[in-house]
């Protein structure tokens, strides 16, 4: 199969008249990614068997509608895309969408699925969560709190891992002091990796069949591997009933990079 450089793809989009022009200002992305009380949805899709059989010029035209749908909804949602193809056996692309209202995420996904490109997407899974303010359990030292708030190392973190988590009924039945002690141990185990593994937590209880969605970015997958091994050794882990299933591993890409990747 012939590889098409990004410049060629963009030029072809202009030729078919489906390039959607300059990027608009859109929603306050930074605010949605840092504030509490924000909905986050993870939508995972696989391309159908027909996709690889159609001509590359048609694929380009249909991928252009992806660009259009993303631009159309940027006033209300923040959208991140990740290429899973080559790293996943059940999906090709992941959308992480943030919005103040879950119905805005729903509107984006409905338009995506009804677009010419979206008609080739098979839904592999969708998870929903809500961000909350971080809480510090009793016993956290001021140094630990400072370490938790310190920024991660600068530079790109292209690898993304998404892991759904469900706790047992026994966990929710524990008294607060026992939970706090175990979460303190959990936090201490994670501290050595906070510089190289950026993390974000979404609360899903009542919104999905899971309790949490854990999201990680890193440039050092070996550090993430060590982080998971460390967390599996703490007492709190015995109350985890679901870890992964699926575990999503992908690479962060721009819309244009996704178009170039999927047109092949």
Protein backbone atom coordinates (compact mmCIF):
# COMPACT_ATOMS: atom_id res chain seq x y z
CA UNK A 1 0.00 0.00 0.00
CA UNK A 2 1.39 3.42 -1.00
CA UNK A 3 2.28 5.75 1.88
CA UNK A 4 0.79 9.23 1.54
CA UNK A 5 2.71 12.05 3.24
CA UNK A 6 0.71 14.49 5.35
CA UNK A 7 1.23 17.31 2.81
CA UNK A 8 -0.29 15.14 0.09
CA UNK A 9 -3.27 14.28 2.29
CA UNK A 10 -3.92 17.95 3.10
CA UNK A 11 -3.56 18.94 -0.56
CA UNK A 12 -6.07 16.26 -1.57
CA UNK A 13 -8.50 17.57 1.05
CA UNK A 14 -8.34 20.98 -0.58
CA UNK A 15 -8.95 19.42 -3.99
CA UNK A 16 -12.09 17.61 -2.90
CA UNK A 17 -13.39 20.82 -1.30
CA UNK A 18 -13.75 19.33 2.17
CA UNK A 19 -11.03 21.13 4.10
CA UNK A 20 -12.69 23.02 6.91
CA UNK A 21 -10.52 26.09 7.13
CA UNK A 22 -8.69 27.66 10.07
CA UNK A 23 -9.22 26.42 13.59
CA UNK A 24 -11.70 28.50 15.59
CA UNK A 25 -11.08 29.66 19.15
CA UNK A 26 -13.36 27.02 20.60
CA UNK A 27 -14.00 26.14 24.21
CA UNK A 28 -11.52 26.93 27.01
CA UNK A 29 -9.62 23.66 26.72
CA UNK A 30 -7.27 24.26 29.63
CA UNK A 31 -10.18 24.98 31.95
CA UNK A 32 -11.97 21.78 30.97
CA UNK A 33 -8.80 19.75 31.54
CA UNK A 34 -8.06 21.20 34.97
CA UNK A 35 -11.40 22.07 36.57
CA UNK A 36 -13.47 19.71 38.69
CA UNK A 37 -17.05 18.89 37.82
CA UNK A 38 -16.18 18.22 34.18
CA UNK A 39 -17.42 15.16 32.29
CA UNK A 40 -14.88 13.01 30.51
CA UNK A 41 -15.84 10.31 28.02
CA UNK A 42 -13.61 7.74 26.36
CA UNK A 43 -14.99 6.44 23.05
CA UNK A 44 -13.12 3.59 21.36
CA UNK A 45 -13.70 2.62 17.74
CA UNK A 46 -12.50 0.06 15.20
CA UNK A 47 -12.71 0.64 11.46
CA UNK A 48 -14.93 -1.81 9.62
CA UNK A 49 -13.64 -4.30 7.02
CA UNK A 50 -14.90 -2.14 4.16
CA UNK A 51 -12.53 0.72 5.04
CA UNK A 52 -9.42 -0.98 3.68
CA UNK A 53 -11.16 -1.89 0.42
CA UNK A 54 -12.15 1.59 -0.75
CA UNK A 55 -9.93 3.83 -2.87
CA UNK A 56 -7.52 6.11 -1.03
CA UNK A 57 -9.09 9.23 -2.56
CA UNK A 58 -12.45 8.21 -1.10
CA UNK A 59 -10.84 7.52 2.26
CA UNK A 60 -9.35 11.03 2.20
CA UNK A 61 -12.73 12.59 1.45
CA UNK A 62 -14.43 10.64 4.23
CA UNK A 63 -11.68 11.44 6.72
CA UNK A 64 -12.23 15.10 5.91
CA UNK A 65 -15.65 14.79 7.50
CA UNK A 66 -13.90 13.81 10.75
CA UNK A 67 -12.10 17.14 10.65
CA UNK A 68 -15.40 18.88 10.04
CA UNK A 69 -17.22 17.23 12.95
CA UNK A 70 -14.36 18.01 15.35
CA UNK A 71 -14.33 21.68 14.30
CA UNK A 72 -18.12 21.89 14.48
CA UNK A 73 -18.17 20.87 18.16
CA UNK A 74 -15.10 22.71 19.42
CA UNK A 75 -17.30 25.45 20.90
CA UNK A 76 -18.59 23.06 23.55
CA UNK A 77 -16.16 20.14 23.93
CA UNK A 78 -12.41 19.51 24.11
CA UNK A 79 -11.40 16.54 21.99
CA UNK A 80 -8.19 14.51 22.12
CA UNK A 81 -7.45 11.71 19.67
CA UNK A 82 -5.19 8.69 20.07
CA UNK A 83 -4.05 6.11 17.56
CA UNK A 84 -4.51 2.61 18.96
CA UNK A 85 -3.94 0.78 15.68
CA UNK A 86 -0.83 -1.39 15.88
CA UNK A 87 -0.92 -1.41 19.69
CA UNK A 88 -4.43 -2.81 20.12
CA UNK A 89 -6.03 -5.94 18.71
CA UNK A 90 -9.60 -4.66 19.01
CA UNK A 91 -9.61 -0.94 18.15
CA UNK A 92 -8.03 1.68 15.89
CA UNK A 93 -8.75 5.05 17.48
CA UNK A 94 -9.70 6.55 20.84
CA UNK A 95 -11.50 9.84 21.45
CA UNK A 96 -11.21 11.51 24.88
CA UNK A 97 -13.88 14.19 25.13
CA UNK A 98 -14.37 16.76 27.93
CA UNK A 99 -17.42 18.97 28.43
CA UNK A 100 -19.38 20.70 31.15
CA UNK A 101 -22.52 18.89 29.98
CA UNK A 102 -22.62 15.21 29.07
CA UNK A 103 -25.22 15.93 26.39
CA UNK A 104 -22.61 17.99 24.50
CA UNK A 105 -20.40 14.89 24.37
CA UNK A 106 -23.39 12.89 23.21
CA UNK A 107 -24.08 15.41 20.42
CA UNK A 108 -20.48 15.14 19.20
CA UNK A 109 -20.55 11.34 19.17
CA UNK A 110 -23.89 11.26 17.34
CA UNK A 111 -22.58 13.59 14.63
CA UNK A 112 -19.34 11.63 14.42
CA UNK A 113 -21.14 8.33 13.91
CA UNK A 114 -23.49 9.78 11.29
CA UNK A 115 -20.67 11.33 9.24
CA UNK A 116 -19.30 9.63 6.13
CA UNK A 117 -16.21 8.62 8.07
CA UNK A 118 -18.17 7.64 11.18
CA UNK A 119 -20.24 5.14 9.23
CA UNK A 120 -17.07 3.03 9.00
CA UNK A 121 -16.58 3.09 12.79
CA UNK A 122 -17.57 0.12 14.93
CA UNK A 123 -17.97 1.02 18.60
CA UNK A 124 -15.56 -1.03 20.72
CA UNK A 125 -16.49 0.66 23.99
CA UNK A 126 -17.53 3.93 25.64
CA UNK A 127 -16.79 4.95 29.25
CA UNK A 128 -17.97 8.05 31.12
CA UNK A 129 -16.60 9.75 34.22
CA UNK A 130 -16.57 13.00 36.18
CA UNK A 131 -13.60 14.92 37.53
CA UNK A 132 -13.50 15.91 41.21
CA UNK A 133 -11.25 18.05 43.37
CA UNK A 134 -8.37 16.02 44.82
CA UNK A 135 -8.85 15.14 48.47
CA UNK A 136 -6.05 14.40 50.90
CA UNK A 137 -6.71 11.69 53.39
CA UNK A 138 -5.80 12.30 57.06
CA UNK A 139 -2.14 11.71 57.77
CA UNK A 140 -0.73 13.17 54.55
CA UNK A 141 2.29 15.31 55.36
CA UNK A 142 2.67 18.76 53.85
CA UNK A 143 5.62 17.41 51.84
CA UNK A 144 3.48 14.61 50.40
CA UNK A 145 0.80 17.13 49.44
CA UNK A 146 3.44 19.30 47.77
CA UNK A 147 4.85 16.30 45.91
CA UNK A 148 1.39 15.40 44.64
CA UNK A 149 0.89 18.92 43.29
CA UNK A 150 4.31 19.21 41.67
CA UNK A 151 4.31 19.25 37.86
CA UNK A 152 5.57 16.32 35.86
CA UNK A 153 8.77 16.52 33.83
CA UNK A 154 8.53 18.85 30.82
CA UNK A 155 8.49 17.51 27.31
CA UNK A 156 6.09 15.42 25.23
CA UNK A 157 4.44 12.36 26.72
CA UNK A 158 3.17 10.56 23.62
CA UNK A 159 2.08 7.26 25.16
CA UNK A 160 -1.37 7.10 26.71
CA UNK A 161 -2.79 4.32 28.87
CA UNK A 162 -6.43 4.17 29.97
CA UNK A 163 -7.46 1.64 32.62
CA UNK A 164 -10.99 1.25 34.01
CA UNK A 165 -11.19 0.22 37.68
CA UNK A 166 -13.98 -1.27 39.77
CA UNK A 167 -13.71 -1.72 43.53
CA UNK A 168 -15.41 -4.48 45.53
CA UNK A 169 -18.45 -3.98 47.75
CA UNK A 170 -16.16 -4.70 50.72
CA UNK A 171 -14.12 -1.60 49.90
CA UNK A 172 -17.12 0.69 50.01
CA UNK A 173 -18.17 -0.91 53.29
CA UNK A 174 -14.89 -0.14 55.08
CA UNK A 175 -14.81 2.68 57.61
CA UNK A 176 -13.13 5.89 56.56
CA UNK A 177 -10.02 5.41 58.70
CA UNK A 178 -9.15 2.05 57.11
CA UNK A 179 -9.71 3.45 53.63
CA UNK A 180 -7.55 6.47 54.45
CA UNK A 181 -4.67 4.34 55.72
CA UNK A 182 -4.68 2.20 52.59
CA UNK A 183 -4.91 5.20 50.26
CA UNK A 184 -1.95 6.76 52.02
CA UNK A 185 0.06 3.59 51.32
CA UNK A 186 -1.19 3.70 47.71
CA UNK A 187 -0.02 7.30 47.35
CA UNK A 188 3.43 6.66 48.82
CA UNK A 189 3.91 3.78 46.36
CA UNK A 190 3.06 6.07 43.43
CA UNK A 191 5.19 9.07 44.42
CA UNK A 192 8.47 7.92 42.76
CA UNK A 193 6.76 7.90 39.36
CA UNK A 194 4.85 11.19 39.43
CA UNK A 195 7.56 13.08 37.52
CA UNK A 196 7.48 10.80 34.49
CA UNK A 197 3.90 9.50 34.55
CA UNK A 198 1.16 12.14 34.36
CA UNK A 199 -2.17 10.91 35.71
CA UNK A 200 -5.81 11.95 35.83
CA UNK A 201 -8.72 10.30 37.64
CA UNK A 202 -12.37 10.19 36.58
CA UNK A 203 -15.16 9.07 38.92
CA UNK A 204 -17.64 6.78 37.17
CA UNK A 205 -19.83 5.26 39.89
CA UNK A 206 -23.45 5.75 38.84
CA UNK A 207 -22.43 6.87 35.33
CA UNK A 208 -21.00 3.55 34.17
CA UNK A 209 -20.46 -0.06 35.25
CA UNK A 210 -17.08 0.89 36.70
CA UNK A 211 -16.02 3.10 39.59
CA UNK A 212 -13.03 4.93 38.10
CA UNK A 213 -11.29 5.64 34.82
CA UNK A 214 -7.55 6.08 35.30
CA UNK A 215 -5.75 8.01 32.56
CA UNK A 216 -1.96 8.18 32.20
CA UNK A 217 0.48 9.95 29.88
CA UNK A 218 4.18 9.13 29.72
CA UNK A 219 7.23 9.00 27.50
CA UNK A 220 8.69 6.19 29.64
CA UNK A 221 6.57 3.08 29.50
CA UNK A 222 9.05 1.26 31.73
CA UNK A 223 8.23 3.72 34.54
CA UNK A 224 4.52 3.11 34.04
CA UNK A 225 5.15 -0.64 34.17
CA UNK A 226 6.99 -0.19 37.49
CA UNK A 227 4.21 2.03 38.82
CA UNK A 228 1.57 -0.63 38.19
CA UNK A 229 3.71 -3.32 39.81
CA UNK A 230 4.17 -1.12 42.88
CA UNK A 231 0.43 -0.45 43.20
CA UNK A 232 -0.39 -4.14 42.93
CA UNK A 233 1.60 -4.74 46.11
CA UNK A 234 -0.35 -2.40 48.40
CA UNK A 235 -3.23 -3.55 50.60
CA UNK A 236 -5.80 -1.47 48.75
CA UNK A 237 -5.27 -3.57 45.61
CA UNK A 238 -6.97 -6.59 47.18
CA UNK A 239 -10.25 -4.66 46.90
CA UNK A 240 -9.90 -4.13 43.14
CA UNK A 241 -12.34 -6.36 41.28
CA UNK A 242 -11.66 -5.07 37.78
CA UNK A 243 -8.45 -3.60 36.44
CA UNK A 244 -8.52 -2.97 32.72
CA UNK A 245 -10.68 -5.15 30.47
CA UNK A 246 -9.88 -3.34 28.36
CA UNK A 247 -6.55 -1.66 29.00
CA UNK A 248 -6.10 0.90 26.21
CA UNK A 249 -2.61 1.76 24.96
CA UNK A 250 -2.15 4.35 22.25
CA UNK A 251 -0.25 7.37 21.00
CA UNK A 252 -1.53 10.95 21.17
CA UNK A 253 -2.03 12.46 17.70
CA UNK A 254 -3.53 15.62 16.24
CA UNK A 255 -6.57 15.38 13.98
CA UNK A 256 -4.32 15.83 10.94
CA UNK A 257 -1.97 13.09 12.11
CA UNK A 258 -4.92 10.74 12.69
CA UNK A 259 -6.11 11.48 9.15
CA UNK A 260 -2.68 10.66 7.76
CA UNK A 261 -2.48 7.46 9.81
CA UNK A 262 -5.93 6.16 8.91
CA UNK A 263 -5.83 7.01 5.22
CA UNK A 264 -3.22 4.31 4.67
